[in-house]
């Protein structure tokens, strides 16, 4: 049974790697994971059959995926070198003025007939209710969606979409705070998270002995027209 839904209103909970594995099928070719963080997802995809290179300003060492330190808007890779390019929860972390350039770089390194995958969270679900009090990403998420839409329309790309809900469970509020503060890209303080309003929103997520936070995820697979190279020369 499929984990994904084409109707966002019918999205169901799925594990991130399972949802991505279904959406990326078939698991063939070279894949660039832009904004891979520490590389855990890159390693998971490598174990599924992709030849994965992960790139991130904060990337660490590890295997089986290869790792490169670098930025989305200035990829240190040669053109036409990947069959798949993935931005998984990362486009909205690119500075807004550089989002378009980051997609241009993704296009540059993608081989003809390759596919760009853009996976982005949406401000729907209990995650939004909790995080908006200290780290509201509604604006940058909307900007990321707008930049992708502009590219698809401007270049005449085809696009496939699917949706699911990501789920995280925490035993208590302190564990949530520690998780948020561990993120390398955070721009908030611990006292911002420990506000009463944030704690109250978190406590409202209690379910079966844990605190369950869910967020809807939009998955987009974009393919370029056959003449896109000449369009971007």
Foldseek 3Di string as FASTA:
>chain_A
DQQWAQDLVPAEEDAPLVNVPVVPPPLDWEEEEEQCAQPPSQQVSVVNRHQYEYEECRYDDDDDHHYDYDHLLDDPDAFQATQEYEHAQNLLVPPLVRSLSSVVVVNRNHHAQHKYKYKHWACDWLVNQQCVQWHHSNVSRVSNVVSVVVVCVVQVKDKGKIKHKYKDKAQALVVVLVVQVPDPSDDGDSVSNVDPSNRVSQVVQDDDNIRMTMIMMMMMMIHGPNCVVVVSD
